[in-house]
Protein backbone atom coordinates (compact mmCIF):
# COMPACT_ATOMS: atom_id res chain seq x y z
CA MET A 1 132.47 -21.61 -57.05
CA GLY A 2 131.87 -20.09 -60.47
CA THR A 3 131.94 -16.46 -61.41
CA LEU A 4 128.90 -14.23 -61.25
CA GLU A 5 128.60 -14.41 -65.03
CA ASN A 6 128.03 -18.15 -64.72
CA ALA A 7 125.42 -17.87 -61.98
CA VAL A 8 121.67 -18.07 -62.46
CA SER A 9 119.33 -16.69 -59.83
CA THR A 10 116.59 -19.08 -58.72
CA ASP A 11 114.40 -19.77 -55.78
CA ALA A 12 115.36 -22.80 -53.72
CA THR A 13 111.99 -24.37 -54.57
CA ASP A 14 112.39 -23.92 -58.35
CA PRO A 15 110.53 -26.96 -59.78
CA GLN A 16 112.86 -27.05 -62.79
CA GLU A 17 115.79 -28.16 -60.63
CA GLU A 18 116.31 -30.47 -57.68
CA PRO A 19 115.51 -28.88 -54.28
CA LEU A 20 118.20 -28.31 -51.70
CA SER A 21 116.32 -30.70 -49.42
CA ALA A 22 117.27 -33.51 -51.85
CA TYR A 23 120.84 -33.27 -50.53
CA GLU A 24 120.05 -34.64 -47.10
CA HIS A 25 121.49 -37.92 -45.82
CA GLY A 26 120.31 -40.67 -48.17
CA GLY A 27 119.77 -38.17 -50.96
CA PHE A 28 121.88 -36.81 -53.80
CA HIS A 29 125.65 -36.51 -53.71
CA PRO A 30 126.71 -32.81 -53.58
CA ALA A 31 128.90 -32.98 -56.68
CA ARG A 32 130.67 -29.94 -58.12
CA VAL A 33 132.20 -29.09 -61.48
CA ASP A 34 135.78 -30.44 -61.73
CA ASP A 35 135.22 -33.07 -59.01
CA LEU A 36 137.09 -36.32 -59.71
CA LEU A 37 135.32 -39.67 -59.31
CA SER A 38 136.41 -43.31 -59.47
CA SER A 39 139.98 -42.79 -58.27
CA GLY A 40 140.44 -39.75 -60.50
CA ARG A 41 139.27 -41.36 -63.75
CA TYR A 42 136.22 -39.12 -64.35
CA ARG A 43 136.22 -35.32 -64.12
CA LEU A 44 132.78 -33.70 -63.88
CA LYS A 45 132.24 -31.00 -66.47
CA ARG A 46 128.57 -29.96 -66.41
CA LYS A 47 125.21 -31.07 -65.03
CA LEU A 48 123.06 -32.54 -67.81
CA GLY A 49 119.84 -33.14 -65.92
CA TRP A 50 118.18 -34.72 -62.94
CA GLY A 51 115.27 -36.92 -61.94
CA MET A 52 113.61 -38.20 -58.83
CA TYR A 53 116.31 -40.81 -58.19
CA SER A 54 119.48 -39.41 -59.76
CA ILE A 55 121.48 -36.57 -61.27
CA VAL A 56 123.27 -36.98 -64.59
CA TRP A 57 126.62 -35.29 -65.25
CA LEU A 58 128.71 -34.73 -68.33
CA ALA A 59 132.24 -35.92 -67.51
CA ARG A 60 135.62 -36.42 -69.10
CA ASP A 61 137.01 -39.95 -68.96
CA GLU A 62 140.68 -39.16 -68.36
CA GLN A 63 141.66 -42.78 -68.93
CA MET A 64 139.91 -43.33 -72.28
CA LYS A 65 140.17 -39.68 -73.38
CA ARG A 66 136.49 -39.33 -74.17
CA TYR A 67 133.35 -37.59 -72.91
CA VAL A 68 130.80 -39.66 -71.05
CA ALA A 69 127.56 -39.21 -69.10
CA ILE A 70 127.55 -40.35 -65.47
CA LYS A 71 124.29 -41.10 -63.68
CA ILE A 72 124.79 -40.67 -59.93
CA LEU A 73 121.99 -42.29 -57.95
CA SER A 74 120.82 -40.95 -54.63
CA ALA A 75 122.09 -43.04 -51.75
CA ARG A 76 118.53 -44.11 -50.97
CA SER A 77 117.88 -45.32 -54.53
CA THR A 78 121.19 -47.19 -54.56
CA ARG A 79 119.77 -49.52 -51.97
CA ALA A 80 116.28 -49.74 -53.41
CA THR A 81 116.44 -50.76 -57.06
CA PRO A 82 118.00 -53.52 -59.21
CA GLU A 83 119.18 -50.99 -61.80
CA LEU A 84 122.81 -52.10 -61.75
CA ALA A 85 121.88 -55.74 -62.33
CA ILE A 86 119.54 -54.77 -65.18
CA LEU A 87 122.09 -52.47 -66.82
CA SER A 88 124.69 -55.23 -66.59
CA LYS A 89 122.29 -57.65 -68.24
CA VAL A 90 121.61 -55.19 -71.07
CA ALA A 91 125.35 -54.47 -71.53
CA ASN A 92 126.46 -58.11 -71.50
CA SER A 93 123.84 -59.62 -73.81
CA SER A 94 124.12 -60.23 -77.55
CA GLU A 95 126.13 -57.63 -79.46
CA GLU A 96 124.79 -58.91 -82.76
CA HIS A 97 121.13 -58.05 -82.27
CA PRO A 98 120.23 -55.00 -84.41
CA GLY A 99 118.12 -53.53 -81.61
CA ARG A 100 121.12 -53.13 -79.31
CA MET A 101 122.13 -49.93 -81.12
CA HIS A 102 118.81 -48.39 -80.05
CA VAL A 103 119.41 -48.92 -76.33
CA THR A 104 121.81 -47.04 -74.05
CA VAL A 105 124.47 -49.50 -72.92
CA MET A 106 126.41 -49.01 -69.68
CA LEU A 107 130.15 -48.51 -70.24
CA ASP A 108 131.29 -48.67 -66.62
CA SER A 109 129.97 -48.59 -63.07
CA PHE A 110 131.42 -47.75 -59.68
CA SER A 111 130.37 -46.68 -56.18
CA HIS A 112 131.13 -43.31 -54.64
CA THR A 113 130.87 -42.56 -50.95
CA GLY A 114 130.15 -38.99 -49.90
CA PRO A 115 128.56 -37.09 -47.01
CA ASN A 116 125.06 -38.36 -47.83
CA GLY A 117 125.95 -42.03 -48.21
CA THR A 118 127.15 -44.42 -50.89
CA HIS A 119 125.96 -43.85 -54.45
CA ASP A 120 125.89 -46.18 -57.43
CA CYS A 121 127.32 -44.44 -60.48
CA PHE A 122 126.64 -45.61 -64.04
CA VAL A 123 128.66 -44.45 -67.06
CA PHE A 124 127.09 -44.12 -70.52
CA GLU A 125 127.82 -42.59 -73.90
CA VAL A 126 126.82 -38.94 -74.19
CA LEU A 127 123.50 -38.50 -75.97
CA GLY A 128 121.82 -35.52 -77.57
CA PRO A 129 118.31 -34.09 -77.26
CA THR A 130 115.28 -36.14 -76.30
CA VAL A 131 112.43 -36.80 -78.71
CA LEU A 132 110.39 -34.48 -76.51
CA GLN A 133 112.81 -31.65 -77.34
CA LEU A 134 113.26 -32.56 -80.99
CA SER A 135 109.53 -32.79 -81.68
CA GLY A 136 108.58 -29.58 -79.91
CA ARG A 137 106.00 -31.70 -78.08
CA ASP A 138 106.20 -29.39 -75.05
CA THR A 139 104.61 -26.72 -77.28
CA ASP A 140 101.88 -29.03 -78.64
CA SER A 141 103.78 -29.43 -81.91
CA CYS A 142 103.44 -32.62 -83.94
CA LEU A 143 105.61 -34.49 -86.42
CA PRO A 144 104.82 -35.71 -89.93
CA LEU A 145 104.10 -39.43 -90.08
CA MET A 146 107.28 -40.30 -92.01
CA PRO A 147 109.76 -39.55 -89.18
CA ILE A 148 107.32 -41.05 -86.66
CA ARG A 149 107.44 -44.31 -88.59
CA GLU A 150 111.25 -44.34 -88.47
CA ILE A 151 111.36 -43.49 -84.76
CA SER A 152 108.82 -46.24 -84.11
CA ARG A 153 110.88 -48.82 -86.00
CA GLN A 154 113.94 -47.97 -83.93
CA LEU A 155 111.99 -48.09 -80.68
CA PHE A 156 110.46 -51.47 -81.41
CA SER A 157 113.84 -52.83 -82.52
CA GLY A 158 115.36 -51.67 -79.24
CA LEU A 159 112.47 -53.16 -77.30
CA ASP A 160 112.88 -56.48 -79.11
CA TYR A 161 116.48 -56.55 -77.85
CA LEU A 162 115.35 -55.77 -74.29
CA HIS A 163 112.40 -58.18 -74.28
CA SER A 164 113.61 -61.20 -76.23
CA VAL A 165 117.36 -61.11 -75.57
CA CYS A 166 117.74 -59.44 -72.16
CA GLY A 167 114.44 -60.41 -70.56
CA VAL A 168 113.95 -56.79 -69.46
CA VAL A 169 110.82 -54.64 -69.52
CA HIS A 170 111.55 -50.89 -69.44
CA THR A 171 108.23 -49.71 -67.88
CA ASP A 172 109.08 -46.00 -68.16
CA LEU A 173 108.95 -45.24 -71.87
CA LYS A 174 108.16 -41.58 -72.52
CA LEU A 175 109.38 -38.94 -74.94
CA SER A 176 111.98 -37.65 -72.47
CA ASN A 177 113.52 -41.15 -72.18
CA ILE A 178 114.14 -41.51 -75.93
CA MET A 179 117.30 -39.67 -76.98
CA ALA A 180 119.24 -38.93 -80.15
CA ALA A 181 122.70 -40.45 -80.51
CA LEU A 182 125.61 -38.24 -81.51
CA ASP A 183 127.68 -39.11 -84.58
CA ASP A 184 130.70 -37.11 -83.40
CA VAL A 185 130.58 -37.01 -79.61
CA GLU A 186 133.93 -35.26 -79.05
CA SER A 187 133.44 -32.27 -81.33
CA THR A 188 129.75 -31.90 -80.50
CA VAL A 189 130.42 -31.86 -76.74
CA GLN A 190 133.40 -29.52 -77.05
CA ASP A 191 131.34 -27.05 -79.08
CA ASP A 192 128.47 -27.32 -76.62
CA LEU A 193 130.73 -26.72 -73.61
CA ARG A 194 132.19 -23.62 -75.26
CA SER A 195 128.72 -22.26 -76.01
CA ASN A 196 127.14 -23.33 -72.74
CA PRO A 197 129.59 -23.40 -69.81
CA PRO A 198 128.26 -24.77 -66.52
CA GLU A 199 125.95 -22.39 -64.68
CA GLU A 200 125.54 -22.32 -60.92
CA LEU A 201 122.19 -21.55 -59.30
CA VAL A 202 122.11 -18.76 -56.73
CA ASP A 203 119.73 -20.05 -54.09
CA ALA A 204 117.48 -17.99 -51.88
CA ALA A 205 118.44 -20.48 -49.17
CA THR A 206 122.20 -20.87 -49.35
CA SER A 207 124.23 -23.90 -48.31
CA ASN A 208 127.86 -24.14 -47.34
CA THR A 209 128.21 -27.68 -48.69
CA VAL A 210 125.91 -27.81 -51.73
CA VAL A 211 126.29 -26.02 -55.05
CA ARG A 212 123.36 -26.55 -57.35
CA TYR A 213 123.73 -26.23 -61.10
CA LYS A 214 121.38 -25.51 -63.94
CA SER A 215 120.46 -28.55 -66.05
CA GLN A 216 122.17 -28.14 -69.42
CA PRO A 217 121.63 -31.13 -71.71
CA ILE A 218 123.48 -31.38 -75.02
CA ALA A 219 121.45 -29.16 -77.33
CA ALA A 220 122.87 -30.16 -80.71
CA SER A 221 122.05 -33.35 -82.60
CA ASP A 222 124.03 -34.62 -85.58
CA GLY A 223 122.63 -38.15 -85.71
CA LEU A 224 119.48 -39.96 -86.81
CA VAL A 225 119.75 -42.89 -84.39
CA MET A 226 117.36 -42.91 -81.41
CA LYS A 227 118.11 -44.73 -78.16
CA ILE A 228 115.98 -45.89 -75.25
CA ALA A 229 117.44 -44.42 -72.06
CA ASP A 230 116.94 -44.49 -68.26
CA PHE A 231 116.46 -47.95 -66.78
CA GLY A 232 115.88 -46.58 -63.29
CA VAL A 233 112.56 -48.39 -62.82
CA ALA A 234 113.06 -51.24 -65.31
CA ASN A 235 112.10 -54.77 -64.24
CA MET A 236 113.07 -58.23 -65.31
CA ILE A 237 110.12 -59.78 -67.14
CA SER A 238 110.27 -62.77 -64.79
CA ASP A 239 110.83 -60.82 -61.57
CA HIS A 240 109.13 -57.49 -60.80
CA PHE A 241 110.49 -55.30 -58.01
CA MET A 242 107.40 -53.05 -58.30
CA GLU A 243 103.93 -53.55 -59.70
CA MET A 244 102.52 -50.05 -60.26
CA VAL A 245 104.65 -49.03 -63.22
CA GLN A 246 104.62 -46.58 -66.16
CA PRO A 247 103.80 -42.87 -66.31
CA ALA A 248 100.11 -42.42 -65.50
CA ALA A 249 98.93 -41.29 -68.94
CA LEU A 250 100.89 -44.10 -70.65
CA ARG A 251 99.84 -46.83 -68.23
CA ALA A 252 98.52 -50.05 -69.75
CA PRO A 253 95.03 -51.24 -68.76
CA GLU A 254 96.34 -54.36 -67.00
CA VAL A 255 98.55 -52.24 -64.74
CA ILE A 256 95.70 -49.90 -63.82
CA LEU A 257 93.56 -52.91 -62.89
CA GLY A 258 96.26 -54.64 -60.87
CA ALA A 259 96.33 -57.62 -63.24
CA PRO A 260 99.52 -59.58 -64.04
CA TRP A 261 101.64 -57.77 -66.62
CA ASN A 262 104.68 -58.44 -68.78
CA GLU A 263 106.71 -56.81 -71.57
CA LYS A 264 103.50 -55.91 -73.43
CA VAL A 265 103.13 -52.84 -71.18
CA ASP A 266 106.03 -51.30 -73.15
CA ILE A 267 104.14 -51.90 -76.39
CA TRP A 268 101.11 -50.01 -75.05
CA SER A 269 103.29 -47.05 -74.00
CA VAL A 270 104.86 -46.76 -77.46
CA GLY A 271 101.40 -46.81 -79.04
CA CYS A 272 100.40 -43.85 -76.89
CA LEU A 273 103.63 -42.05 -77.85
CA ILE A 274 103.05 -42.60 -81.58
CA TYR A 275 99.67 -40.90 -81.22
CA GLU A 276 101.24 -38.09 -79.16
CA LEU A 277 103.91 -37.40 -81.77
CA ALA A 278 101.34 -37.39 -84.59
CA ASN A 279 98.75 -35.22 -82.84
CA GLY A 280 100.84 -33.03 -80.54
CA ARG A 281 98.69 -34.00 -77.55
CA ALA A 282 98.54 -37.01 -75.27
CA LEU A 283 96.09 -39.80 -76.13
CA PHE A 284 94.87 -39.98 -72.51
CA GLY A 285 94.66 -37.34 -69.78
CA PRO A 286 95.07 -35.06 -68.03
CA TRP A 287 92.13 -35.76 -65.76
CA PRO A 288 90.43 -33.65 -63.12
CA THR A 289 91.06 -34.85 -59.58
CA GLU A 290 88.08 -33.59 -57.60
CA GLY A 291 85.29 -35.98 -56.71
CA PHE A 292 86.55 -39.14 -58.39
CA PRO A 293 89.82 -41.01 -58.98
CA TRP A 294 91.73 -40.26 -62.16
CA GLU A 295 92.11 -44.00 -62.79
CA ALA A 296 88.35 -44.20 -63.34
CA MET A 297 88.54 -41.41 -65.90
CA HIS A 298 91.44 -43.18 -67.60
CA LEU A 299 89.41 -46.37 -67.86
CA LEU A 300 86.45 -44.40 -69.23
CA ASP A 301 88.71 -42.86 -71.87
CA ILE A 302 90.04 -46.27 -72.88
CA GLN A 303 86.54 -47.71 -73.14
CA ALA A 304 85.36 -44.75 -75.22
CA LEU A 305 88.03 -45.53 -77.83
CA PHE A 306 88.21 -49.32 -77.72
CA GLY A 307 84.81 -50.44 -76.46
CA PRO A 308 83.86 -52.43 -73.32
CA PHE A 309 86.62 -54.09 -71.37
CA PRO A 310 86.95 -57.85 -71.87
CA ILE A 311 85.49 -59.54 -68.82
CA ASP A 312 88.48 -61.91 -68.72
CA LEU A 313 90.87 -59.00 -68.20
CA VAL A 314 88.60 -57.36 -65.64
CA ARG A 315 88.51 -60.55 -63.55
CA ARG A 316 92.31 -60.77 -63.52
CA GLY A 317 92.73 -57.42 -61.76
CA SER A 318 93.11 -57.08 -58.01
CA ARG A 319 91.79 -53.48 -58.22
CA SER A 320 89.05 -54.11 -60.78
CA LYS A 321 86.35 -54.23 -58.10
CA ASN A 322 86.97 -50.53 -57.47
CA TYR A 323 85.86 -49.64 -61.01
CA PHE A 324 83.77 -52.50 -62.43
CA ASP A 325 80.71 -54.56 -61.78
CA MET A 326 82.52 -57.88 -61.45
CA SER A 327 79.48 -59.89 -62.57
CA ASN A 328 79.41 -58.46 -66.09
CA GLY A 329 82.53 -56.29 -66.51
CA THR A 330 80.75 -52.97 -66.94
CA LEU A 331 82.31 -49.81 -65.52
CA LEU A 332 80.67 -48.54 -62.37
CA PRO A 333 79.22 -45.02 -62.55
CA THR A 334 81.89 -42.73 -61.12
CA ASN A 335 80.28 -39.34 -61.61
CA PRO A 336 76.80 -38.92 -63.12
CA ARG A 337 77.84 -35.71 -64.85
CA ILE A 338 80.49 -37.46 -66.96
CA GLU A 339 79.41 -38.88 -70.30
CA LEU A 340 82.10 -39.79 -72.79
CA PRO A 341 80.80 -40.50 -76.31
CA SER A 342 82.26 -43.66 -77.81
CA ILE A 343 84.28 -43.19 -81.00
CA ALA A 344 86.29 -45.83 -82.79
CA LEU A 345 90.06 -45.28 -82.93
CA ASP A 346 90.08 -44.91 -86.71
CA GLU A 347 87.31 -42.26 -86.62
CA HIS A 348 89.13 -40.44 -83.86
CA LEU A 349 92.42 -40.40 -85.77
CA GLN A 350 90.70 -39.23 -88.95
CA SER A 351 89.30 -36.25 -87.04
CA VAL A 352 92.42 -35.22 -85.09
CA LEU A 353 94.94 -35.87 -87.88
CA SER A 354 93.01 -34.13 -90.64
CA HIS A 355 95.80 -31.51 -90.70
CA ALA A 356 98.47 -34.09 -91.50
CA GLU A 357 100.30 -33.96 -94.83
CA GLU A 358 100.03 -37.73 -95.25
CA ARG A 359 96.25 -37.96 -95.12
CA ASP A 360 96.24 -41.14 -97.19
CA ASP A 361 98.46 -42.80 -94.57
CA ILE A 362 96.05 -42.33 -91.66
CA GLU A 363 94.23 -45.56 -92.46
CA ALA A 364 97.53 -47.46 -92.41
CA LEU A 365 98.40 -45.82 -89.08
CA CYS A 366 95.05 -46.92 -87.64
CA ALA A 367 95.62 -50.50 -88.73
CA PHE A 368 99.08 -50.45 -87.16
CA LEU A 369 97.90 -48.97 -83.87
CA GLU A 370 95.24 -51.67 -83.59
CA ARG A 371 98.12 -54.14 -83.22
CA VAL A 372 99.79 -51.94 -80.59
CA LEU A 373 96.90 -50.59 -78.50
CA SER A 374 94.89 -53.73 -77.88
CA VAL A 375 93.27 -53.64 -74.43
CA LEU A 376 94.02 -57.34 -74.06
CA PRO A 377 97.81 -57.56 -73.67
CA GLU A 378 98.03 -60.98 -75.28
CA ARG A 379 96.60 -59.52 -78.48
CA ARG A 380 99.26 -56.83 -78.76
CA SER A 381 101.93 -57.66 -81.28
CA SER A 382 105.46 -58.32 -80.07
CA ALA A 383 108.21 -55.73 -80.45
CA LYS A 384 109.86 -57.90 -83.11
CA GLU A 385 106.65 -58.13 -85.16
CA LEU A 386 106.14 -54.37 -84.95
CA ALA A 387 109.76 -53.57 -85.86
CA GLU A 388 109.33 -55.69 -89.00
CA HIS A 389 105.83 -54.40 -89.86
CA SER A 390 105.39 -52.65 -93.20
CA TRP A 391 104.27 -49.43 -91.47
CA THR A 392 107.58 -49.03 -89.65
CA ASN A 393 109.73 -49.95 -92.66
CA ILE A 394 109.78 -47.01 -95.03
């Protein structure tokens, strides 16, 4: 246990950290600072963060004398996803492709058995802040178009590696899953550990076996390279282990409708993120939940920007009948009080980006996004085409 100076008081239901109930059988492994994993090779130093399926720790690789990040899956998730197979595919594919440097590559993997079951553990390089943190997006801040163009080029290059070389579709692209690489991992991590030692959480409901820690990601960034991270819900393009994918606000039309989907869903997500970085607000959502399904509002929003849905796409969807007149492809009335005025994407961007420094570049951004945010997935450009597009090459 740490000293009082390194303890942070919190309620057991604090939404910022994993609940104690997540440490039941089948759940998270109750790891502690200085625990040794993989026959003593890795020593845990600090909790970096957590998600629904895993907790990520900063660790010292005693064998290679380097810092690493270890993702420890819950025991339940270890049995439920093909993440290890996908990470292995990503790690063992072409090392020559330029997009590989924009994807987190697994360095090692092992299993660890604890009181809550057996957990898959994946070892990665240590990364810095997320684009969400760097952009100040959580405070409705926005970025100038120049850095957005460079981030976009790197993302599409990484996606080209995943799509064309590995046959993998990420399906969970969001600002918190895009992270900055560190030029000097050792010195950056050592400085960060000195400034931010691990902090325990003092729970209202105590446990004799579980010590929870505050999430403390690496705060500093000394690099300009961005990497796509977290393959927890990634799928092979040819073999999906789940069909309802992507964060709700970034979900492609074909997924909402229950139509067949492929790697083009990642392209749609990045298009939404480009808008979000430029405007400081999400392109779609949030939606009210009373009286009608949010999916219907999402479809209305898409139609308001891009016009009526192509009847061919509507007829592909297993859920389309819930939202459309299947005879002509028109959206069914969901709530008579809702009227969304139609506005073309270029007009919308001209209005919301009027504050931008690069006003003359908005037209070029519109033309680029038309290649990315096509409602018909087959009309979206490939990641390779977008990585090589003039808009992403400054």
